[in-house]
Amino acid sequence: MLLNAIPSIRQRYPYIRIKGQWSYLYRAVDREGQTVDFFLREYRDSAVAKSFFARAIKKRGIPQKITLDGYAASHQAAAKLQDESRLPAALVVRTNRYLNNLIEQDHRHVKQRVRPMLGFKRFDSAGVTIFGIELVHQIKKGQFDVSELYSSTTPSPQVWEAVLAA
């Protein structure tokens, strides 16, 4: 599904503990609950938010609306992208805590998997684990059509290799 056909993106950040420090998992979800992109970073500032927006736009296209939480760096990043003409000047960038309920429910699956782990020891292992969690969740949501990748006789490792390659 292209982002151009999607009226809005909602964004929210769950926190992940790595080496005793909080890191930020940037996530974007469209109106239908499909994951647009996710991005694990050690810091949360406008430069990282800007690179996350640029990556999501490159991956899915320009949205009609963006709904953010109240964090100022996200709004600054969106404004910088509008100044650079990477986002249209007429794009609606808004803050609405109730519209973020959709993404709060969507990143619940990440929190359910990560919370019992009590954090990670290495940043790269956290990234790989979260990528796997997100990938499985996207498959469950139907974002990947895996029916063409395997038949009933295909072993599971080959299916996973095909999914990761797609």
Protein backbone atom coordinates (compact mmCIF):
# COMPACT_ATOMS: atom_id res chain seq x y z
CA MET A 1 0.00 0.00 0.00
CA LEU A 2 1.45 3.35 -0.97
CA LEU A 3 1.59 6.18 1.49
CA ASN A 4 0.10 8.55 -1.09
CA ALA A 5 -3.16 6.64 -0.81
CA ILE A 6 -3.03 6.88 2.97
CA PRO A 7 -4.56 9.99 4.48
CA SER A 8 -2.32 10.18 7.55
CA ILE A 9 0.58 8.72 9.49
CA ARG A 10 0.64 8.40 13.24
CA GLN A 11 3.90 8.30 15.13
CA ARG A 12 4.84 7.34 18.67
CA TYR A 13 8.01 6.19 20.39
CA PRO A 14 8.31 3.26 22.76
CA TYR A 15 11.42 3.24 24.91
CA ILE A 16 13.83 0.28 24.89
CA ARG A 17 16.48 -0.25 27.60
CA ILE A 18 19.95 -1.00 26.23
CA LYS A 19 22.96 -1.22 28.57
CA GLY A 20 20.95 0.49 31.29
CA GLN A 21 20.14 3.49 29.08
CA TRP A 22 16.86 4.27 27.38
CA SER A 23 16.88 4.18 23.59
CA TYR A 24 14.04 5.20 21.35
CA LEU A 25 12.15 3.13 18.86
CA TYR A 26 10.67 5.48 16.29
CA ARG A 27 7.61 3.91 14.68
CA ALA A 28 5.14 5.11 12.09
CA VAL A 29 1.78 3.50 11.38
CA ASP A 30 -0.75 4.45 8.72
CA ARG A 31 -4.47 4.92 9.22
CA GLU A 32 -5.23 1.23 8.54
CA GLY A 33 -2.71 0.11 11.17
CA GLN A 34 -0.04 -0.99 8.69
CA THR A 35 3.53 -0.38 9.82
CA VAL A 36 5.18 2.28 7.65
CA ASP A 37 8.65 2.15 9.22
CA PHE A 38 10.55 1.73 12.47
CA PHE A 39 13.93 3.09 13.53
CA LEU A 40 15.90 2.29 16.73
CA ARG A 41 18.26 5.05 17.88
CA GLU A 42 20.18 5.87 21.04
CA TYR A 43 19.08 9.50 21.10
CA ARG A 44 15.85 11.32 20.44
CA ASP A 45 16.41 14.68 18.77
CA SER A 46 15.33 16.58 15.69
CA ALA A 47 18.18 15.24 13.50
CA VAL A 48 17.18 11.63 14.18
CA ALA A 49 13.49 12.44 13.74
CA LYS A 50 14.28 14.13 10.44
CA SER A 51 16.19 11.09 9.17
CA PHE A 52 13.32 8.85 10.30
CA PHE A 53 10.79 10.96 8.39
CA ALA A 54 13.01 11.04 5.31
CA ARG A 55 13.41 7.25 5.44
CA ALA A 56 9.65 6.69 5.84
CA ILE A 57 8.87 9.08 2.99
CA LYS A 58 11.40 7.40 0.74
CA LYS A 59 9.93 4.01 1.57
CA ARG A 60 6.21 4.84 1.30
CA GLY A 61 5.78 8.27 -0.28
CA ILE A 62 4.47 11.60 0.95
CA PRO A 63 1.46 11.44 3.29
CA GLN A 64 -1.48 13.82 3.34
CA LYS A 65 -1.33 14.31 7.13
CA ILE A 66 1.10 13.50 9.92
CA THR A 67 -0.02 13.09 13.52
CA LEU A 68 2.76 13.41 16.10
CA ASP A 69 3.04 13.24 19.84
CA GLY A 70 3.85 16.47 21.68
CA TYR A 71 7.65 16.11 21.48
CA ALA A 72 9.02 19.33 19.98
CA ALA A 73 11.92 17.69 18.09
CA SER A 74 9.48 15.77 15.89
CA HIS A 75 7.65 18.95 14.96
CA GLN A 76 10.97 20.70 14.25
CA ALA A 77 12.03 17.81 11.99
CA ALA A 78 8.78 17.98 10.05
CA ALA A 79 9.17 21.76 9.69
CA LYS A 80 12.76 21.34 8.42
CA LEU A 81 11.58 18.83 5.82
CA GLN A 82 8.88 21.28 4.74
CA ASP A 83 11.49 24.06 4.49
CA GLU A 84 13.65 21.78 2.31
CA SER A 85 10.60 21.01 0.12
CA ARG A 86 10.84 17.30 0.89
CA LEU A 87 7.38 17.60 2.41
CA PRO A 88 4.75 19.92 0.94
CA ALA A 89 4.25 23.21 2.77
CA ALA A 90 0.49 22.57 2.88
CA LEU A 91 0.97 19.22 4.67
CA VAL A 92 -1.03 19.05 7.89
CA VAL A 93 1.26 18.26 10.84
CA ARG A 94 -0.80 17.95 13.99
CA THR A 95 -0.69 16.79 17.57
CA ASN A 96 -3.61 14.78 18.84
CA ARG A 97 -3.20 12.42 21.74
CA TYR A 98 -6.34 10.43 20.91
CA LEU A 99 -5.30 9.73 17.33
CA ASN A 100 -2.11 8.20 18.70
CA ASN A 101 -4.13 5.45 20.42
CA LEU A 102 -3.87 3.41 17.21
CA ILE A 103 -0.10 3.34 17.33
CA GLU A 104 -0.07 2.82 21.08
CA GLN A 105 -2.00 -0.38 20.45
CA ASP A 106 0.25 -1.30 17.54
CA HIS A 107 3.52 -1.11 19.46
CA ARG A 108 2.02 -3.11 22.29
CA HIS A 109 3.43 -6.27 20.67
CA VAL A 110 6.98 -4.87 20.86
CA LYS A 111 6.54 -3.97 24.52
CA GLN A 112 5.12 -7.43 25.32
CA ARG A 113 8.21 -9.11 23.84
CA VAL A 114 10.83 -6.72 25.18
CA ARG A 115 9.56 -6.07 28.72
CA PRO A 116 10.28 -9.60 30.06
CA MET A 117 13.85 -9.33 28.72
CA LEU A 118 14.57 -6.43 31.10
CA GLY A 119 16.63 -4.72 28.42
CA PHE A 120 19.45 -5.57 26.06
CA LYS A 121 23.20 -5.67 26.55
CA ARG A 122 24.16 -4.61 23.02
CA PHE A 123 22.59 -2.10 20.65
CA ASP A 124 23.00 -4.29 17.56
CA SER A 125 21.36 -7.31 19.21
CA ALA A 126 18.45 -5.09 20.25
CA GLY A 127 18.10 -3.88 16.67
CA VAL A 128 18.07 -7.41 15.25
CA THR A 129 15.58 -8.62 17.86
CA ILE A 130 13.22 -5.69 17.30
CA PHE A 131 13.51 -6.12 13.52
CA GLY A 132 12.39 -9.75 13.95
CA ILE A 133 9.50 -8.77 16.22
CA GLU A 134 8.37 -6.11 13.73
CA LEU A 135 8.72 -8.51 10.80
CA VAL A 136 6.58 -11.18 12.45
CA HIS A 137 3.96 -8.58 13.38
CA GLN A 138 3.88 -7.23 9.81
CA ILE A 139 3.36 -10.77 8.51
CA LYS A 140 0.51 -11.28 10.99
CA LYS A 141 -1.08 -8.00 9.85
CA GLY A 142 -0.93 -9.19 6.26
CA GLN A 143 1.63 -6.67 5.02
CA PHE A 144 3.58 -9.47 3.36
CA ASP A 145 1.93 -11.96 1.06
CA VAL A 146 3.94 -15.06 1.96
CA SER A 147 1.68 -17.47 0.08
CA GLU A 148 3.81 -17.11 -3.05
CA LEU A 149 7.02 -17.80 -1.15
CA TYR A 150 6.21 -21.31 -0.04
CA SER A 151 4.04 -24.33 -0.54
CA SER A 152 2.80 -26.74 2.10
CA THR A 153 5.96 -28.83 1.64
CA THR A 154 8.45 -25.96 2.01
CA PRO A 155 10.50 -26.13 5.24
CA SER A 156 10.18 -23.17 7.62
CA PRO A 157 13.82 -22.01 7.32
CA GLN A 158 13.39 -21.55 3.58
CA VAL A 159 10.21 -19.54 4.13
CA TRP A 160 12.02 -17.21 6.57
CA GLU A 161 14.91 -16.77 4.15
CA ALA A 162 12.44 -15.82 1.40
CA VAL A 163 10.64 -13.36 3.70
CA LEU A 164 13.88 -11.71 4.78
CA ALA A 165 15.01 -11.44 1.18
CA ALA A 166 11.73 -9.76 0.11
